[in-house]
C-alpha atoms as a PDB file:
ATOM      1  CA  MET A   1     104.479  79.433 110.728  1.00  0.00           C
ATOM      2  CA  LYS A   2     103.228  82.744 109.476  1.00  0.00           C
ATOM      3  CA  SER A   3     103.350  83.249 105.698  1.00  0.00           C
ATOM      4  CA  ARG A   4     103.493  86.528 103.950  1.00  0.00           C
ATOM      5  CA  LEU A   5     101.073  87.408 101.224  1.00  0.00           C
ATOM      6  CA  GLY A   6     102.535  87.360  97.786  1.00  0.00           C
ATOM      7  CA  VAL A   7     101.791  89.782  94.892  1.00  0.00           C
ATOM      8  CA  ILE A   8      98.419  88.644  93.467  1.00  0.00           C
ATOM      9  CA  GLN A   9      98.652  90.464  90.154  1.00  0.00           C
ATOM     10  CA  ASN A  10     100.252  88.613  87.264  1.00  0.00           C
ATOM     11  CA  LEU A  11      99.395  90.975  84.380  1.00  0.00           C
ATOM     12  CA  SER A  12     101.448  93.799  83.041  1.00  0.00           C
ATOM     13  CA  LEU A  13     100.033  97.249  82.263  1.00  0.00           C
ATOM     14  CA  LEU A  14     100.192  96.526  78.529  1.00  0.00           C
ATOM     15  CA  ASP A  15      98.372  93.228  78.967  1.00  0.00           C
ATOM     16  CA  ARG A  16      95.718  95.023  81.049  1.00  0.00           C
ATOM     17  CA  ILE A  17      95.197  97.713  78.438  1.00  0.00           C
ATOM     18  CA  LEU A  18      95.015  95.108  75.568  1.00  0.00           C
ATOM     19  CA  ARG A  19      92.493  93.122  77.545  1.00  0.00           C
ATOM     20  CA  GLY A  20      90.437  96.322  78.113  1.00  0.00           C
ATOM     21  CA  VAL A  21      90.383  96.940  74.351  1.00  0.00           C
ATOM     22  CA  LEU A  22      89.494  93.345  73.566  1.00  0.00           C
ATOM     23  CA  THR A  23      86.687  93.587  76.110  1.00  0.00           C
ATOM     24  CA  ALA A  24      85.263  96.655  74.284  1.00  0.00           C
ATOM     25  CA  VAL A  25      85.530  94.917  70.948  1.00  0.00           C
ATOM     26  CA  LEU A  26      83.873  91.727  72.222  1.00  0.00           C
ATOM     27  CA  LEU A  27      81.041  93.725  73.694  1.00  0.00           C
ATOM     28  CA  ALA A  28      80.512  95.977  70.653  1.00  0.00           C
ATOM     29  CA  THR A  29      80.686  93.373  67.952  1.00  0.00           C
ATOM     30  CA  PRO A  30      77.385  91.578  68.659  1.00  0.00           C
ATOM     31  CA  VAL A  31      75.623  94.863  69.293  1.00  0.00           C
ATOM     32  CA  VAL A  32      76.730  96.307  65.920  1.00  0.00           C
ATOM     33  CA  TYR A  33      75.915  93.058  64.096  1.00  0.00           C
ATOM     34  CA  ILE A  34      72.422  92.819  65.532  1.00  0.00           C
ATOM     35  CA  ALA A  35      71.705  96.500  64.920  1.00  0.00           C
ATOM     36  CA  THR A  36      73.045  96.677  61.368  1.00  0.00           C
ATOM     37  CA  ASN A  37      71.762  93.367  60.090  1.00  0.00           C
ATOM     38  CA  ASN A  38      68.511  93.355  61.960  1.00  0.00           C
ATOM     39  CA  ALA A  39      69.500  89.801  62.872  1.00  0.00           C
ATOM     40  CA  PRO A  40      68.206  87.763  65.852  1.00  0.00           C
ATOM     41  CA  TYR A  41      70.340  86.877  68.841  1.00  0.00           C
ATOM     42  CA  GLN A  42      72.722  84.015  68.075  1.00  0.00           C
ATOM     43  CA  LEU A  43      74.895  81.765  70.155  1.00  0.00           C
ATOM     44  CA  TRP A  44      78.148  83.508  69.106  1.00  0.00           C
ATOM     45  CA  ASN A  45      76.722  86.807  70.539  1.00  0.00           C
ATOM     46  CA  GLY A  46      76.524  85.171  73.972  1.00  0.00           C
ATOM     47  CA  ILE A  47      79.979  83.597  73.692  1.00  0.00           C
ATOM     48  CA  PHE A  48      81.463  87.013  72.793  1.00  0.00           C
ATOM     49  CA  TRP A  49      79.726  88.573  75.768  1.00  0.00           C
ATOM     50  CA  LEU A  50      80.969  85.887  78.161  1.00  0.00           C
ATOM     51  CA  LEU A  51      84.488  86.244  76.837  1.00  0.00           C
ATOM     52  CA  SER A  52      84.229  89.999  77.373  1.00  0.00           C
ATOM     53  CA  VAL A  53      83.295  89.436  81.081  1.00  0.00           C
ATOM     54  CA  TYR A  54      86.354  87.206  81.511  1.00  0.00           C
ATOM     55  CA  PHE A  55      88.796  89.598  79.846  1.00  0.00           C
ATOM     56  CA  GLY A  56      87.181  92.638  81.532  1.00  0.00           C
ATOM     57  CA  LEU A  57      87.510  91.216  84.988  1.00  0.00           C
ATOM     58  CA  THR A  58      91.033  90.028  84.469  1.00  0.00           C
ATOM     59  CA  ALA A  59      91.962  93.486  83.125  1.00  0.00           C
ATOM     60  CA  LEU A  60      90.438  95.229  86.189  1.00  0.00           C
ATOM     61  CA  LEU A  61      91.891  92.803  88.750  1.00  0.00           C
ATOM     62  CA  GLY A  62      95.270  92.459  87.094  1.00  0.00           C
ATOM     63  CA  TRP A  63      95.148  88.706  87.765  1.00  0.00           C
ATOM     64  CA  ASP A  64      94.476  85.938  85.278  1.00  0.00           C
ATOM     65  CA  PRO A  65      93.624  82.411  86.692  1.00  0.00           C
ATOM     66  CA  LEU A  66      94.944  80.716  83.516  1.00  0.00           C
ATOM     67  CA  TYR A  67      98.352  82.517  83.982  1.00  0.00           C
ATOM     68  CA  HIS A  68      98.238  81.432  87.599  1.00  0.00           C
ATOM     69  CA  LEU A  69      97.636  77.773  86.731  1.00  0.00           C
ATOM     70  CA  VAL A  70     100.716  77.610  84.481  1.00  0.00           C
ATOM     71  CA  GLY A  71     102.862  79.924  86.695  1.00  0.00           C
ATOM     72  CA  ALA A  72     103.190  82.677  84.034  1.00  0.00           C
ATOM     73  CA  LYS A  73     103.399  86.406  84.483  1.00  0.00           C
ATOM     74  CA  SER A  74     103.303  89.041  81.696  1.00  0.00           C
ATOM     75  CA  CYS A  75     104.979  91.687  83.895  1.00  0.00           C
ATOM     76  CA  LYS A  76     108.666  92.028  84.594  1.00  0.00           C
ATOM     77  CA  THR A  77     109.914  91.009  88.023  1.00  0.00           C
ATOM     78  CA  GLY A  78     108.854  93.581  90.551  1.00  0.00           C
ATOM     79  CA  ALA A  79     106.547  95.415  88.061  1.00  0.00           C
ATOM     80  CA  CYS A  80     103.423  93.503  89.035  1.00  0.00           C
ATOM     81  CA  GLY A  81     101.158  95.526  91.181  1.00  0.00           C
ATOM     82  CA  THR A  82      97.920  97.482  91.381  1.00  0.00           C
ATOM     83  CA  LEU A  83      96.838  99.578  88.371  1.00  0.00           C
ATOM     84  CA  PRO A  84      97.926 102.941  90.036  1.00  0.00           C
ATOM     85  CA  TYR A  85     101.300 101.377  90.872  1.00  0.00           C
ATOM     86  CA  GLN A  86     101.745 100.174  87.291  1.00  0.00           C
ATOM     87  CA  VAL A  87     100.739 103.560  85.826  1.00  0.00           C
ATOM     88  CA  ASP A  88     103.141 105.376  88.157  1.00  0.00           C
ATOM     89  CA  ALA A  89     105.931 103.052  87.118  1.00  0.00           C
ATOM     90  CA  ALA A  90     105.078 103.553  83.448  1.00  0.00           C
ATOM     91  CA  MET A  91     105.271 107.335  83.856  1.00  0.00           C
ATOM     92  CA  GLY A  92     108.825 106.965  84.975  1.00  0.00           C
ATOM     93  CA  HIS A  93     108.321 107.717  88.630  1.00  0.00           C
ATOM     94  CA  HIS A  94     109.988 104.470  89.726  1.00  0.00           C
ATOM     95  CA  PRO A  95     107.994 103.629  92.883  1.00  0.00           C
ATOM     96  CA  GLU A  96     109.904 101.257  95.209  1.00  0.00           C
ATOM     97  CA  PRO A  97     107.838  98.869  97.282  1.00  0.00           C
ATOM     98  CA  LYS A  98     108.390  99.224 101.097  1.00  0.00           C
ATOM     99  CA  SER A  99     108.186  95.438 101.331  1.00  0.00           C
ATOM    100  CA  GLY A 100     108.710  92.528  99.070  1.00  0.00           C
ATOM    101  CA  PHE A 101     105.066  91.701  98.775  1.00  0.00           C
ATOM    102  CA  ASP A 102     103.150  95.114  98.789  1.00  0.00           C
ATOM    103  CA  HIS A 103     103.108  96.529  95.289  1.00  0.00           C
ATOM    104  CA  SER A 104     100.444  99.163  95.774  1.00  0.00           C
ATOM    105  CA  LEU A 105     100.986 102.833  95.224  1.00  0.00           C
ATOM    106  CA  GLY A 106     100.138 103.499  98.851  1.00  0.00           C
ATOM    107  CA  GLY A 107     102.684 100.921 100.026  1.00  0.00           C
ATOM    108  CA  SER A 108     105.564 102.319  98.022  1.00  0.00           C
ATOM    109  CA  ARG A 109     107.880 105.226  98.237  1.00  0.00           C
ATOM    110  CA  HIS A 110     109.486 107.412  95.518  1.00  0.00           C
ATOM    111  CA  PRO A 111     113.259 107.786  95.729  1.00  0.00           C
ATOM    112  CA  ASN A 112     114.660 111.274  95.673  1.00  0.00           C
ATOM    113  CA  PRO A 113     116.212 112.176  92.312  1.00  0.00           C
ATOM    114  CA  LYS A 114     120.057 112.542  92.452  1.00  0.00           C
ATOM    115  CA  GLY A 115     121.265 115.963  93.129  1.00  0.00           C
ATOM    116  CA  ARG A 116     118.167 117.262  94.840  1.00  0.00           C
END
């Protein structure tokens, strides 16, 4: 039996943006601390940098393995997709996937506005 690929992304656009901001904060905090306090490298600096890698990758990919383990999604039904697809949807263009499993901008069409 042939199975169709499902949507891999499970993060909403807002979740991705917040994770991107959190990544920047987690990267900058140890750098600023070391630079301003002339302090040596400490364990929490490494932990912050490792966490920033996790949040940065999940923001870029749009997929969180912890969400996947518990079956959670932060996006509405049908709004999960690639970053360009989510941005296009957030701008009000209402892309419609050509199929039930391809939520990329290239794999979607835009309906004609009424009256045109």
